[in-house]
């Protein structure tokens, strides 16, 4: 799923690159970097969960899911912030 989201995000960036302002790109990059960091944390948590068992594994998987949800919410917030910048121009 992360690979699909990353590819989709990159394709969107390429399509929008020609019409985005520098400020829009700056806002988008800031949110995207934060979301990528959260995705990396989720990946690390999932890798750790693979070495656990029982309740500990479930807790780690749940924590990874929460991180992934937070990354998705961050990307959505970035899209909204970018739209707000675009409307100001």
Protein backbone atom coordinates (compact mmCIF):
# COMPACT_ATOMS: atom_id res chain seq x y z
CA UNK A 1 0.00 0.00 0.00
CA UNK A 2 2.78 2.45 0.87
CA UNK A 3 4.41 1.88 -2.51
CA UNK A 4 1.13 2.56 -4.30
CA UNK A 5 0.55 5.74 -2.29
CA UNK A 6 4.11 6.88 -2.95
CA UNK A 7 3.82 6.26 -6.71
CA UNK A 8 0.44 7.97 -6.81
CA UNK A 9 1.84 10.92 -4.84
CA UNK A 10 4.85 11.25 -7.13
CA UNK A 11 2.65 11.11 -10.20
CA UNK A 12 0.47 13.84 -8.73
CA UNK A 13 3.51 15.97 -7.95
CA UNK A 14 4.78 15.68 -11.50
CA UNK A 15 1.38 16.60 -12.91
CA UNK A 16 1.03 19.60 -10.63
CA UNK A 17 4.63 20.79 -10.78
CA UNK A 18 4.05 22.95 -13.82
CA UNK A 19 1.22 24.95 -12.26
CA UNK A 20 2.29 25.15 -8.59
CA UNK A 21 3.86 28.23 -7.12
CA UNK A 22 7.00 28.07 -5.01
CA UNK A 23 4.97 28.63 -1.85
CA UNK A 24 2.56 25.82 -2.76
CA UNK A 25 5.49 23.49 -3.34
CA UNK A 26 7.05 24.50 -0.04
CA UNK A 27 3.83 23.79 1.87
CA UNK A 28 3.30 20.50 0.06
CA UNK A 29 6.87 19.37 0.66
CA UNK A 30 6.71 20.16 4.36
CA UNK A 31 3.56 18.07 4.86
CA UNK A 32 4.80 15.29 2.60
CA UNK A 33 8.10 15.03 4.48
CA UNK A 34 6.25 14.80 7.77
CA UNK A 35 3.92 12.12 6.39
CA UNK A 36 6.88 10.15 4.99
CA UNK A 37 8.54 10.23 8.41
CA UNK A 38 5.36 8.85 9.98
CA UNK A 39 5.20 6.11 7.34
CA UNK A 40 8.82 5.19 8.12
CA UNK A 41 7.98 4.97 11.81
CA UNK A 42 5.04 2.72 10.97
CA UNK A 43 7.28 0.48 8.85
CA UNK A 44 9.75 0.20 11.71
CA UNK A 45 6.94 -0.62 14.13
CA UNK A 46 5.63 -3.33 11.81
CA UNK A 47 9.12 -4.82 11.50
CA UNK A 48 9.40 -4.85 15.28
CA UNK A 49 5.96 -6.48 15.53
CA UNK A 50 7.20 -9.33 13.34
CA UNK A 51 9.63 -10.24 16.12
CA UNK A 52 6.98 -10.21 18.84
CA UNK A 53 4.10 -12.51 19.64
CA UNK A 54 0.66 -12.42 21.21
CA UNK A 55 -0.56 -9.20 22.78
CA UNK A 56 2.75 -7.43 22.22
CA UNK A 57 2.54 -8.11 18.49
CA UNK A 58 -1.05 -6.84 18.37
CA UNK A 59 -0.11 -3.68 20.28
CA UNK A 60 2.75 -2.97 17.89
CA UNK A 61 0.56 -3.60 14.84
CA UNK A 62 -2.10 -1.26 16.25
CA UNK A 63 0.52 1.41 16.89
CA UNK A 64 1.74 1.04 13.29
CA UNK A 65 -1.83 1.39 12.02
CA UNK A 66 -2.27 4.57 14.06
CA UNK A 67 0.94 5.99 12.58
CA UNK A 68 -0.22 5.17 9.06
CA UNK A 69 -3.56 6.87 9.75
CA UNK A 70 -1.72 9.91 11.08
CA UNK A 71 0.42 9.98 7.91
CA UNK A 72 -2.73 9.88 5.76
CA UNK A 73 -4.29 12.70 7.80
CA UNK A 74 -1.09 14.72 7.44
CA UNK A 75 -1.17 14.31 3.67
CA UNK A 76 -4.82 15.42 3.60
CA UNK A 77 -3.97 18.45 5.75
CA UNK A 78 -1.14 19.25 3.36
CA UNK A 79 -3.52 19.11 0.41
CA UNK A 80 -5.88 21.49 2.19
CA UNK A 81 -3.04 23.84 3.11
CA UNK A 82 -1.81 23.81 -0.47
CA UNK A 83 -5.32 24.58 -1.71
CA UNK A 84 -5.54 27.49 0.73
CA UNK A 85 -2.27 28.91 -0.58
CA UNK A 86 -3.48 28.53 -4.15
CA UNK A 87 -6.71 30.41 -3.36
CA UNK A 88 -4.72 33.29 -1.89
CA UNK A 89 -2.89 33.84 -5.17
